[in-house]
Amino acid sequence: MKKIILVAVIIFLIPTTYAQQDLRIDTGKSIINWQGSDLLNLNTHNGTVKLKNGVIRRKGILITGGEFEIDMNSIINIGDQYNEMLITHLKSKDFFNVKKHPIAKLEIINTRYINATNLDVIAYLTINDIRHIIQYQSTIENINNQVLMKSKFVIDRTLWKINYKSKNLLINLKDDIISNTIDFEVFVVANQDGC
């Protein structure tokens, strides 16, 4: 009889242990850092953009996916004398066309753990309503009942039709060309209780 009860308890617990859990992100603590530059990397601009909402998906202790909405209206430039002019330009049709596409998205579709705290990630990144697969690495930390997921990746902006002064446009002078690459650092903080 004891064996039957033990088996029943184990069967009951297994689905709960490995059930998918959505951990809602803390938008006040989560942030994306960005950096762009000219072709020769002599002049750089960097700033932040906020996450509007999102979840990290987890089975047991393993991160399996996630979905994040990025508020493109929140983009700012840090420490630059051309701040207001630059942000107006970044929000224009030359770059992110924020009026038409106020939300960008990052959707984690697959993860592979390298070790307990590092994983390879495959995700969809949607900017200007254009969706492409990207791959990058993330680190995971558990601090004070929260999950901290740190990620870095670089994109070729022309894949998302952001072609302003691209090096692919031969009409540009060399010293006026903007690098095609944009660097991102994503810091996502999620509550482990799912709230």
N, C-alpha and C. Protein backbone atom coordinates (compact mmCIF):
# COMPACT_ATOMS: atom_id res chain seq x y z
N MET A 1 0.83 -1.20 0.00
CA MET A 1 0.00 0.00 0.00
C MET A 1 0.87 1.26 0.00
N LYS A 2 1.96 1.23 0.78
CA LYS A 2 2.87 2.38 0.85
C LYS A 2 3.51 2.63 -0.51
N LYS A 3 3.84 1.55 -1.24
CA LYS A 3 4.44 1.69 -2.57
C LYS A 3 3.47 2.34 -3.54
N ILE A 4 2.20 1.97 -3.45
CA ILE A 4 1.19 2.53 -4.34
C ILE A 4 1.03 4.03 -4.08
N ILE A 5 1.04 4.42 -2.81
CA ILE A 5 0.92 5.84 -2.45
C ILE A 5 2.14 6.61 -2.93
N LEU A 6 3.35 6.05 -2.77
CA LEU A 6 4.58 6.70 -3.20
C LEU A 6 4.59 6.92 -4.70
N VAL A 7 4.18 5.91 -5.47
CA VAL A 7 4.11 6.02 -6.93
C VAL A 7 3.11 7.09 -7.33
N ALA A 8 1.97 7.14 -6.65
CA ALA A 8 0.94 8.13 -6.96
C ALA A 8 1.45 9.54 -6.69
N VAL A 9 2.19 9.73 -5.61
CA VAL A 9 2.75 11.04 -5.27
C VAL A 9 3.76 11.47 -6.32
N ILE A 10 4.63 10.55 -6.75
CA ILE A 10 5.64 10.87 -7.76
C ILE A 10 4.98 11.27 -9.08
N ILE A 11 3.96 10.49 -9.50
CA ILE A 11 3.24 10.79 -10.74
C ILE A 11 2.57 12.16 -10.66
N PHE A 12 2.05 12.50 -9.48
CA PHE A 12 1.38 13.79 -9.29
C PHE A 12 2.38 14.95 -9.36
N LEU A 13 3.59 14.73 -8.83
CA LEU A 13 4.57 15.81 -8.74
C LEU A 13 5.31 16.07 -10.04
N ILE A 14 5.50 15.08 -10.88
CA ILE A 14 6.31 15.24 -12.09
C ILE A 14 5.78 16.33 -13.01
N PRO A 15 4.48 16.34 -13.36
CA PRO A 15 4.00 17.41 -14.24
C PRO A 15 4.16 18.80 -13.64
N THR A 16 4.00 18.91 -12.31
CA THR A 16 4.13 20.20 -11.65
C THR A 16 5.57 20.68 -11.69
N THR A 17 6.51 19.76 -11.46
CA THR A 17 7.92 20.11 -11.42
C THR A 17 8.40 20.64 -12.77
N TYR A 18 7.91 20.04 -13.85
CA TYR A 18 8.39 20.41 -15.18
C TYR A 18 7.37 21.22 -15.99
N ALA A 19 6.36 21.72 -15.34
CA ALA A 19 5.37 22.53 -16.05
C ALA A 19 6.01 23.85 -16.47
N GLN A 20 5.60 24.36 -17.61
CA GLN A 20 6.11 25.65 -18.07
C GLN A 20 5.59 26.76 -17.18
N GLN A 21 6.49 27.67 -16.86
CA GLN A 21 6.15 28.80 -16.01
C GLN A 21 6.56 30.10 -16.70
N ASP A 22 5.69 31.07 -16.72
CA ASP A 22 5.99 32.38 -17.28
C ASP A 22 6.39 33.33 -16.15
N LEU A 23 7.61 33.84 -16.23
CA LEU A 23 8.10 34.80 -15.24
C LEU A 23 7.98 36.20 -15.84
N ARG A 24 7.11 37.01 -15.28
CA ARG A 24 6.90 38.35 -15.82
C ARG A 24 8.08 39.25 -15.49
N ILE A 25 8.50 40.05 -16.48
CA ILE A 25 9.67 40.88 -16.26
C ILE A 25 9.33 42.12 -15.45
N ASP A 26 10.33 42.63 -14.77
CA ASP A 26 10.23 43.90 -14.04
C ASP A 26 10.69 45.00 -15.00
N THR A 27 9.75 45.75 -15.55
CA THR A 27 10.10 46.76 -16.56
C THR A 27 10.88 47.93 -15.97
N GLY A 28 10.80 48.10 -14.67
CA GLY A 28 11.57 49.16 -14.03
C GLY A 28 13.04 48.83 -13.91
N LYS A 29 13.38 47.54 -13.90
CA LYS A 29 14.77 47.11 -13.75
C LYS A 29 15.36 46.58 -15.06
N SER A 30 14.52 46.27 -16.03
CA SER A 30 14.99 45.73 -17.31
C SER A 30 15.28 46.88 -18.27
N ILE A 31 16.34 46.72 -19.06
CA ILE A 31 16.75 47.81 -19.97
C ILE A 31 17.56 47.22 -21.13
N ILE A 32 17.56 47.94 -22.24
CA ILE A 32 18.40 47.59 -23.38
C ILE A 32 19.36 48.76 -23.63
N ASN A 33 20.64 48.46 -23.68
CA ASN A 33 21.65 49.44 -24.07
C ASN A 33 21.98 49.25 -25.55
N TRP A 34 22.15 50.34 -26.27
CA TRP A 34 22.50 50.25 -27.69
C TRP A 34 23.71 51.14 -27.99
N GLN A 35 24.41 50.79 -29.06
CA GLN A 35 25.53 51.62 -29.51
C GLN A 35 25.65 51.54 -31.03
N GLY A 36 25.80 52.70 -31.66
CA GLY A 36 26.05 52.80 -33.09
C GLY A 36 27.24 53.71 -33.32
N SER A 37 27.81 53.66 -34.54
CA SER A 37 28.99 54.46 -34.81
C SER A 37 29.10 54.74 -36.31
N ASP A 38 30.09 55.57 -36.67
CA ASP A 38 30.39 55.73 -38.08
C ASP A 38 31.20 54.52 -38.54
N LEU A 39 31.51 54.47 -39.82
CA LEU A 39 32.15 53.29 -40.39
C LEU A 39 33.50 52.98 -39.75
N LEU A 40 34.26 54.02 -39.41
CA LEU A 40 35.59 53.83 -38.85
C LEU A 40 35.59 53.78 -37.33
N ASN A 41 34.39 53.83 -36.73
CA ASN A 41 34.23 53.76 -35.28
C ASN A 41 34.91 54.94 -34.56
N LEU A 42 35.01 56.08 -35.25
CA LEU A 42 35.61 57.27 -34.65
C LEU A 42 34.59 58.05 -33.82
N ASN A 43 33.35 58.04 -34.27
CA ASN A 43 32.27 58.72 -33.55
C ASN A 43 31.20 57.70 -33.18
N THR A 44 30.94 57.59 -31.90
CA THR A 44 29.94 56.62 -31.44
C THR A 44 28.80 57.33 -30.73
N HIS A 45 27.65 56.72 -30.78
CA HIS A 45 26.48 57.17 -30.02
C HIS A 45 25.98 55.97 -29.24
N ASN A 46 25.56 56.20 -28.02
CA ASN A 46 25.00 55.10 -27.25
C ASN A 46 23.87 55.62 -26.38
N GLY A 47 22.99 54.70 -26.02
CA GLY A 47 21.84 55.07 -25.21
C GLY A 47 21.07 53.86 -24.75
N THR A 48 19.82 54.07 -24.41
CA THR A 48 18.99 52.99 -23.89
C THR A 48 17.61 53.02 -24.55
N VAL A 49 16.92 51.92 -24.41
CA VAL A 49 15.52 51.82 -24.80
C VAL A 49 14.86 50.88 -23.80
N LYS A 50 13.61 51.15 -23.43
CA LYS A 50 12.95 50.39 -22.37
C LYS A 50 12.11 49.24 -22.92
N LEU A 51 11.93 48.25 -22.09
CA LEU A 51 11.01 47.17 -22.41
C LEU A 51 9.63 47.52 -21.89
N LYS A 52 8.63 47.32 -22.72
CA LYS A 52 7.25 47.66 -22.34
C LYS A 52 6.63 46.56 -21.50
N ASN A 53 6.87 45.32 -21.88
CA ASN A 53 6.43 44.16 -21.09
C ASN A 53 7.11 42.92 -21.64
N GLY A 54 6.89 41.79 -20.97
CA GLY A 54 7.49 40.55 -21.44
C GLY A 54 7.53 39.48 -20.38
N VAL A 55 7.85 38.27 -20.83
CA VAL A 55 7.98 37.13 -19.93
C VAL A 55 9.20 36.29 -20.31
N ILE A 56 9.81 35.68 -19.31
CA ILE A 56 10.79 34.62 -19.51
C ILE A 56 10.07 33.31 -19.26
N ARG A 57 10.21 32.36 -20.18
CA ARG A 57 9.56 31.05 -20.01
C ARG A 57 10.56 30.06 -19.43
N ARG A 58 10.09 29.28 -18.45
CA ARG A 58 10.97 28.37 -17.75
C ARG A 58 10.27 27.04 -17.50
N LYS A 59 11.03 25.94 -17.63
CA LYS A 59 10.57 24.62 -17.20
C LYS A 59 11.54 24.14 -16.14
N GLY A 60 11.01 23.92 -14.94
CA GLY A 60 11.91 23.63 -13.83
C GLY A 60 12.80 24.84 -13.59
N ILE A 61 14.12 24.63 -13.66
CA ILE A 61 15.06 25.75 -13.49
C ILE A 61 15.64 26.21 -14.83
N LEU A 62 15.21 25.60 -15.93
CA LEU A 62 15.80 25.89 -17.23
C LEU A 62 14.98 26.92 -18.01
N ILE A 63 15.65 27.94 -18.54
CA ILE A 63 15.01 28.93 -19.40
C ILE A 63 14.80 28.29 -20.77
N THR A 64 13.57 28.31 -21.25
CA THR A 64 13.25 27.67 -22.54
C THR A 64 12.79 28.67 -23.60
N GLY A 65 12.41 29.87 -23.20
CA GLY A 65 11.93 30.83 -24.18
C GLY A 65 11.58 32.15 -23.53
N GLY A 66 10.95 33.01 -24.30
CA GLY A 66 10.55 34.31 -23.77
C GLY A 66 10.05 35.21 -24.87
N GLU A 67 9.29 36.20 -24.48
CA GLU A 67 8.77 37.20 -25.42
C GLU A 67 8.86 38.57 -24.75
N PHE A 68 9.39 39.54 -25.51
CA PHE A 68 9.59 40.88 -24.95
C PHE A 68 9.16 41.93 -25.97
N GLU A 69 8.41 42.92 -25.50
CA GLU A 69 8.03 44.05 -26.33
C GLU A 69 8.90 45.25 -25.94
N ILE A 70 9.45 45.93 -26.96
CA ILE A 70 10.37 47.04 -26.75
C ILE A 70 9.68 48.33 -27.16
N ASP A 71 9.66 49.28 -26.25
CA ASP A 71 9.00 50.56 -26.49
C ASP A 71 9.94 51.50 -27.23
N MET A 72 9.79 51.59 -28.55
CA MET A 72 10.72 52.39 -29.35
C MET A 72 10.58 53.89 -29.09
N ASN A 73 9.47 54.32 -28.53
CA ASN A 73 9.30 55.73 -28.16
C ASN A 73 10.19 56.11 -26.98
N SER A 74 10.70 55.11 -26.26
CA SER A 74 11.50 55.40 -25.07
C SER A 74 12.99 55.54 -25.37
N ILE A 75 13.37 55.42 -26.64
CA ILE A 75 14.79 55.46 -26.98
C ILE A 75 15.40 56.80 -26.58
N ILE A 76 16.57 56.73 -25.95
CA ILE A 76 17.30 57.95 -25.59
C ILE A 76 18.77 57.79 -25.96
N ASN A 77 19.44 58.91 -26.08
CA ASN A 77 20.87 58.96 -26.34
C ASN A 77 21.53 59.51 -25.08
N ILE A 78 22.69 58.97 -24.72
CA ILE A 78 23.35 59.36 -23.47
C ILE A 78 24.61 60.16 -23.76
N GLY A 79 24.74 61.29 -23.05
CA GLY A 79 25.97 62.05 -23.06
C GLY A 79 26.39 62.57 -24.41
N ASP A 80 25.48 63.20 -25.13
CA ASP A 80 25.80 63.70 -26.46
C ASP A 80 25.19 65.08 -26.64
N GLN A 81 25.97 66.00 -27.20
CA GLN A 81 25.48 67.36 -27.39
C GLN A 81 24.36 67.44 -28.43
N TYR A 82 24.27 66.41 -29.28
CA TYR A 82 23.25 66.41 -30.33
C TYR A 82 22.04 65.56 -29.94
N ASN A 83 21.82 65.40 -28.65
CA ASN A 83 20.84 64.45 -28.15
C ASN A 83 19.45 64.58 -28.80
N GLU A 84 18.84 65.77 -28.68
CA GLU A 84 17.47 65.94 -29.17
C GLU A 84 17.38 65.73 -30.67
N MET A 85 18.34 66.27 -31.41
CA MET A 85 18.34 66.12 -32.86
C MET A 85 18.54 64.65 -33.25
N LEU A 86 19.44 63.97 -32.56
CA LEU A 86 19.72 62.57 -32.88
C LEU A 86 18.51 61.69 -32.60
N ILE A 87 17.86 61.88 -31.46
CA ILE A 87 16.70 61.05 -31.12
C ILE A 87 15.57 61.28 -32.10
N THR A 88 15.35 62.54 -32.49
CA THR A 88 14.32 62.83 -33.50
C THR A 88 14.62 62.09 -34.79
N HIS A 89 15.91 62.06 -35.16
CA HIS A 89 16.29 61.38 -36.39
C HIS A 89 16.15 59.86 -36.26
N LEU A 90 16.53 59.30 -35.11
CA LEU A 90 16.40 57.85 -34.90
C LEU A 90 14.94 57.39 -34.95
N LYS A 91 14.04 58.27 -34.53
CA LYS A 91 12.62 57.92 -34.53
C LYS A 91 11.96 58.12 -35.91
N SER A 92 12.70 58.73 -36.83
CA SER A 92 12.15 59.06 -38.14
C SER A 92 12.17 57.85 -39.09
N LYS A 93 11.68 58.06 -40.29
CA LYS A 93 11.63 57.00 -41.31
C LYS A 93 13.03 56.55 -41.74
N ASP A 94 14.04 57.39 -41.51
CA ASP A 94 15.41 57.00 -41.87
C ASP A 94 15.91 55.83 -41.04
N PHE A 95 15.37 55.68 -39.83
CA PHE A 95 15.84 54.62 -38.94
C PHE A 95 14.69 53.72 -38.48
N PHE A 96 14.07 54.03 -37.36
CA PHE A 96 13.12 53.09 -36.74
C PHE A 96 11.65 53.40 -37.01
N ASN A 97 11.37 54.51 -37.67
CA ASN A 97 9.99 54.85 -38.07
C ASN A 97 9.01 54.59 -36.92
N VAL A 98 9.30 55.20 -35.78
CA VAL A 98 8.59 54.91 -34.54
C VAL A 98 7.10 55.24 -34.62
N LYS A 99 6.75 56.26 -35.40
CA LYS A 99 5.33 56.61 -35.52
C LYS A 99 4.53 55.44 -36.10
N LYS A 100 5.09 54.74 -37.07
CA LYS A 100 4.41 53.62 -37.70
C LYS A 100 4.66 52.31 -36.96
N HIS A 101 5.86 52.17 -36.37
CA HIS A 101 6.23 50.92 -35.70
C HIS A 101 6.73 51.23 -34.28
N PRO A 102 5.84 51.56 -33.35
CA PRO A 102 6.25 51.95 -32.00
C PRO A 102 6.79 50.80 -31.14
N ILE A 103 6.51 49.57 -31.55
CA ILE A 103 6.93 48.40 -30.77
C ILE A 103 7.86 47.52 -31.60
N ALA A 104 9.01 47.18 -31.03
CA ALA A 104 9.88 46.14 -31.57
C ALA A 104 9.72 44.90 -30.68
N LYS A 105 10.10 43.74 -31.18
CA LYS A 105 9.90 42.51 -30.40
C LYS A 105 11.13 41.61 -30.45
N LEU A 106 11.36 40.94 -29.33
CA LEU A 106 12.38 39.90 -29.25
C LEU A 106 11.69 38.65 -28.72
N GLU A 107 11.75 37.57 -29.51
CA GLU A 107 11.08 36.32 -29.14
C GLU A 107 12.10 35.19 -29.09
N ILE A 108 12.38 34.67 -27.91
CA ILE A 108 13.30 33.55 -27.76
C ILE A 108 12.57 32.27 -28.15
N ILE A 109 13.09 31.57 -29.16
CA ILE A 109 12.41 30.35 -29.63
C ILE A 109 13.16 29.07 -29.29
N ASN A 110 14.44 29.19 -28.93
CA ASN A 110 15.20 27.98 -28.58
C ASN A 110 16.39 28.36 -27.70
N THR A 111 16.70 27.49 -26.75
CA THR A 111 17.88 27.69 -25.91
C THR A 111 18.65 26.38 -25.78
N ARG A 112 19.97 26.50 -25.61
CA ARG A 112 20.81 25.33 -25.35
C ARG A 112 21.81 25.72 -24.27
N TYR A 113 21.76 25.02 -23.15
CA TYR A 113 22.63 25.34 -22.04
C TYR A 113 24.05 24.86 -22.31
N ILE A 114 25.02 25.77 -22.13
CA ILE A 114 26.44 25.43 -22.22
C ILE A 114 26.91 24.91 -20.87
N ASN A 115 26.46 25.56 -19.80
CA ASN A 115 26.69 25.11 -18.43
C ASN A 115 25.54 25.66 -17.59
N ALA A 116 25.69 25.68 -16.29
CA ALA A 116 24.57 26.05 -15.42
C ALA A 116 24.12 27.50 -15.57
N THR A 117 25.02 28.38 -16.05
CA THR A 117 24.68 29.81 -16.09
C THR A 117 24.80 30.44 -17.48
N ASN A 118 25.25 29.68 -18.46
CA ASN A 118 25.44 30.24 -19.81
C ASN A 118 24.67 29.41 -20.83
N LEU A 119 24.03 30.10 -21.77
CA LEU A 119 23.26 29.39 -22.77
C LEU A 119 23.32 30.07 -24.13
N ASP A 120 23.21 29.25 -25.17
CA ASP A 120 23.05 29.75 -26.52
C ASP A 120 21.57 30.00 -26.77
N VAL A 121 21.28 31.09 -27.45
CA VAL A 121 19.89 31.49 -27.68
C VAL A 121 19.65 31.70 -29.18
N ILE A 122 18.51 31.22 -29.65
CA ILE A 122 18.02 31.54 -30.99
C ILE A 122 16.72 32.31 -30.78
N ALA A 123 16.61 33.46 -31.46
CA ALA A 123 15.45 34.32 -31.25
C ALA A 123 15.05 35.00 -32.55
N TYR A 124 13.82 35.48 -32.58
CA TYR A 124 13.36 36.36 -33.63
C TYR A 124 13.44 37.80 -33.13
N LEU A 125 14.00 38.69 -33.94
CA LEU A 125 14.00 40.11 -33.63
C LEU A 125 13.17 40.82 -34.69
N THR A 126 12.15 41.54 -34.24
CA THR A 126 11.28 42.28 -35.16
C THR A 126 11.48 43.77 -34.97
N ILE A 127 11.92 44.44 -36.03
CA ILE A 127 12.08 45.89 -36.06
C ILE A 127 11.46 46.38 -37.37
N ASN A 128 10.74 47.50 -37.31
CA ASN A 128 10.09 48.03 -38.51
C ASN A 128 9.18 46.99 -39.17
N ASP A 129 8.61 46.12 -38.33
CA ASP A 129 7.70 45.06 -38.79
C ASP A 129 8.41 44.04 -39.68
N ILE A 130 9.74 43.96 -39.58
CA ILE A 130 10.53 42.97 -40.30
C ILE A 130 11.14 42.02 -39.27
N ARG A 131 10.99 40.71 -39.51
CA ARG A 131 11.36 39.70 -38.52
C ARG A 131 12.50 38.83 -39.06
N HIS A 132 13.60 38.78 -38.28
CA HIS A 132 14.74 37.94 -38.66
C HIS A 132 15.21 37.13 -37.45
N ILE A 133 15.78 35.97 -37.74
CA ILE A 133 16.38 35.15 -36.68
C ILE A 133 17.76 35.71 -36.33
N ILE A 134 18.04 35.77 -35.03
CA ILE A 134 19.38 36.12 -34.55
C ILE A 134 19.84 35.05 -33.56
N GLN A 135 21.13 34.95 -33.36
CA GLN A 135 21.70 34.00 -32.39
C GLN A 135 22.69 34.75 -31.51
N TYR A 136 22.69 34.40 -30.23
CA TYR A 136 23.58 35.06 -29.29
C TYR A 136 23.71 34.21 -28.03
N GLN A 137 24.51 34.67 -27.09
CA GLN A 137 24.67 33.98 -25.81
C GLN A 137 24.12 34.83 -24.67
N SER A 138 23.60 34.15 -23.67
CA SER A 138 23.06 34.82 -22.48
C SER A 138 23.65 34.19 -21.23
N THR A 139 23.68 34.97 -20.15
CA THR A 139 24.02 34.44 -18.84
C THR A 139 22.81 34.59 -17.93
N ILE A 140 22.67 33.65 -17.01
CA ILE A 140 21.54 33.64 -16.08
C ILE A 140 22.05 33.70 -14.65
N GLU A 141 21.46 34.58 -13.85
CA GLU A 141 21.75 34.64 -12.42
C GLU A 141 20.44 34.66 -11.66
N ASN A 142 20.43 34.07 -10.48
CA ASN A 142 19.28 34.11 -9.57
C ASN A 142 19.67 34.93 -8.35
N ILE A 143 19.02 36.08 -8.19
CA ILE A 143 19.36 37.00 -7.10
C ILE A 143 18.08 37.47 -6.42
N ASN A 144 17.99 37.25 -5.13
CA ASN A 144 16.86 37.76 -4.33
C ASN A 144 15.49 37.45 -4.97
N ASN A 145 15.28 36.19 -5.27
CA ASN A 145 14.01 35.73 -5.84
C ASN A 145 13.71 36.34 -7.21
N GLN A 146 14.76 36.77 -7.91
CA GLN A 146 14.61 37.27 -9.27
C GLN A 146 15.61 36.58 -10.19
N VAL A 147 15.23 36.47 -11.45
CA VAL A 147 16.11 35.93 -12.49
C VAL A 147 16.66 37.11 -13.28
N LEU A 148 17.98 37.18 -13.43
CA LEU A 148 18.62 38.20 -14.24
C LEU A 148 19.21 37.53 -15.47
N MET A 149 18.74 37.93 -16.64
CA MET A 149 19.21 37.38 -17.91
C MET A 149 19.94 38.49 -18.67
N LYS A 150 21.24 38.29 -18.92
CA LYS A 150 22.06 39.27 -19.62
C LYS A 150 22.42 38.71 -21.00
N SER A 151 22.25 39.53 -22.02
CA SER A 151 22.52 39.08 -23.39
C SER A 151 23.23 40.18 -24.17
N LYS A 152 24.07 39.77 -25.11
CA LYS A 152 24.72 40.71 -26.02
C LYS A 152 24.60 40.18 -27.43
N PHE A 153 24.30 41.09 -28.37
CA PHE A 153 24.31 40.69 -29.77
C PHE A 153 24.51 41.92 -30.65
N VAL A 154 24.92 41.66 -31.88
CA VAL A 154 25.16 42.70 -32.87
C VAL A 154 24.30 42.38 -34.09
N ILE A 155 23.65 43.40 -34.63
CA ILE A 155 22.84 43.17 -35.83
C ILE A 155 23.36 44.02 -36.99
N ASP A 156 23.06 43.57 -38.19
CA ASP A 156 23.27 44.35 -39.41
C ASP A 156 21.95 45.07 -39.68
N ARG A 157 21.92 46.36 -39.43
CA ARG A 157 20.67 47.13 -39.50
C ARG A 157 20.00 47.08 -40.87
N THR A 158 20.78 46.85 -41.93
CA THR A 158 20.21 46.85 -43.28
C THR A 158 19.25 45.68 -43.50
N LEU A 159 19.38 44.62 -42.70
CA LEU A 159 18.44 43.50 -42.81
C LEU A 159 17.04 43.91 -42.40
N TRP A 160 16.95 44.97 -41.60
CA TRP A 160 15.65 45.50 -41.17
C TRP A 160 15.30 46.78 -41.93
N LYS A 161 15.90 46.95 -43.12
CA LYS A 161 15.63 48.07 -44.01
C LYS A 161 15.98 49.42 -43.40
N ILE A 162 16.99 49.42 -42.52
CA ILE A 162 17.50 50.69 -41.98
C ILE A 162 18.76 51.00 -42.78
N ASN A 163 18.57 51.68 -43.91
CA ASN A 163 19.65 51.85 -44.89
C ASN A 163 20.27 53.24 -44.92
N TYR A 164 19.84 54.12 -44.04
CA TYR A 164 20.34 55.50 -44.07
C TYR A 164 21.86 55.56 -43.97
N LYS A 165 22.50 56.16 -44.96
CA LYS A 165 23.96 56.31 -45.02
C LYS A 165 24.69 54.99 -44.75
N SER A 166 24.15 53.93 -45.31
CA SER A 166 24.76 52.61 -45.18
C SER A 166 25.99 52.52 -46.07
N LYS A 167 26.94 51.68 -45.68
CA LYS A 167 28.13 51.48 -46.52
C LYS A 167 27.77 50.75 -47.82
N ASN A 168 26.55 50.19 -47.89
CA ASN A 168 26.11 49.53 -49.11
C ASN A 168 25.66 50.53 -50.18
N LEU A 169 25.44 51.79 -49.76
CA LEU A 169 25.00 52.81 -50.71
C LEU A 169 26.23 53.55 -51.24
N LEU A 170 26.57 53.31 -52.49
CA LEU A 170 27.81 53.83 -53.06
C LEU A 170 27.82 55.34 -53.21
N ILE A 171 26.65 55.97 -53.09
CA ILE A 171 26.59 57.41 -53.28
C ILE A 171 27.18 58.17 -52.09
N ASN A 172 27.38 57.47 -50.96
CA ASN A 172 27.88 58.15 -49.77
C ASN A 172 29.39 58.33 -49.81
N LEU A 173 29.87 59.43 -49.27
CA LEU A 173 31.30 59.62 -49.08
C LEU A 173 31.76 58.77 -47.90
N LYS A 174 32.99 58.29 -47.96
CA LYS A 174 33.47 57.35 -46.96
C LYS A 174 33.37 57.90 -45.54
N ASP A 175 33.70 59.17 -45.34
CA ASP A 175 33.69 59.73 -43.98
C ASP A 175 32.29 60.10 -43.51
N ASP A 176 31.29 59.87 -44.35
CA ASP A 176 29.91 60.18 -43.98
C ASP A 176 29.08 58.92 -43.81
N ILE A 177 29.72 57.78 -43.92
CA ILE A 177 29.01 56.51 -43.86
C ILE A 177 28.82 56.09 -42.40
N ILE A 178 27.63 55.60 -42.09
CA ILE A 178 27.34 55.07 -40.76
C ILE A 178 27.51 53.56 -40.80
N SER A 179 28.13 53.00 -39.79
CA SER A 179 28.33 51.55 -39.73
C SER A 179 26.99 50.83 -39.83
N ASN A 180 27.00 49.70 -40.49
CA ASN A 180 25.77 48.90 -40.59
C ASN A 180 25.44 48.18 -39.29
N THR A 181 26.40 48.07 -38.40
CA THR A 181 26.19 47.29 -37.18
C THR A 181 25.67 48.15 -36.03
N ILE A 182 24.78 47.56 -35.26
CA ILE A 182 24.31 48.15 -34.01
C ILE A 182 24.53 47.12 -32.91
N ASP A 183 25.16 47.54 -31.83
CA ASP A 183 25.43 46.65 -30.70
C ASP A 183 24.34 46.79 -29.65
N PHE A 184 23.90 45.66 -29.10
CA PHE A 184 22.88 45.67 -28.06
C PHE A 184 23.34 44.87 -26.84
N GLU A 185 23.02 45.40 -25.67
CA GLU A 185 23.14 44.67 -24.40
C GLU A 185 21.75 44.67 -23.77
N VAL A 186 21.22 43.49 -23.52
CA VAL A 186 19.86 43.37 -22.97
C VAL A 186 19.95 42.85 -21.55
N PHE A 187 19.38 43.60 -20.62
CA PHE A 187 19.31 43.19 -19.21
C PHE A 187 17.84 42.99 -18.85
N VAL A 188 17.46 41.75 -18.63
CA VAL A 188 16.07 41.43 -18.31
C VAL A 188 16.01 40.87 -16.88
N VAL A 189 15.19 41.49 -16.06
CA VAL A 189 14.99 41.04 -14.68
C VAL A 189 13.53 40.55 -14.56
N ALA A 190 13.37 39.31 -14.07
CA ALA A 190 12.04 38.73 -13.94
C ALA A 190 11.86 38.19 -12.53
N ASN A 191 10.64 38.29 -12.02
CA ASN A 191 10.33 37.79 -10.69
C ASN A 191 10.09 36.29 -10.73
N GLN A 192 10.73 35.55 -9.84
CA GLN A 192 10.60 34.10 -9.85
C GLN A 192 9.24 33.61 -9.40
N ASP A 193 8.49 34.45 -8.72
CA ASP A 193 7.14 34.03 -8.31
C ASP A 193 6.11 34.25 -9.43
N GLY A 194 6.59 34.78 -10.60
CA GLY A 194 5.73 34.95 -11.75
C GLY A 194 4.89 36.22 -11.71
N CYS A 195 4.99 37.01 -10.66
CA CYS A 195 4.16 38.22 -10.51
C CYS A 195 4.91 39.44 -11.00
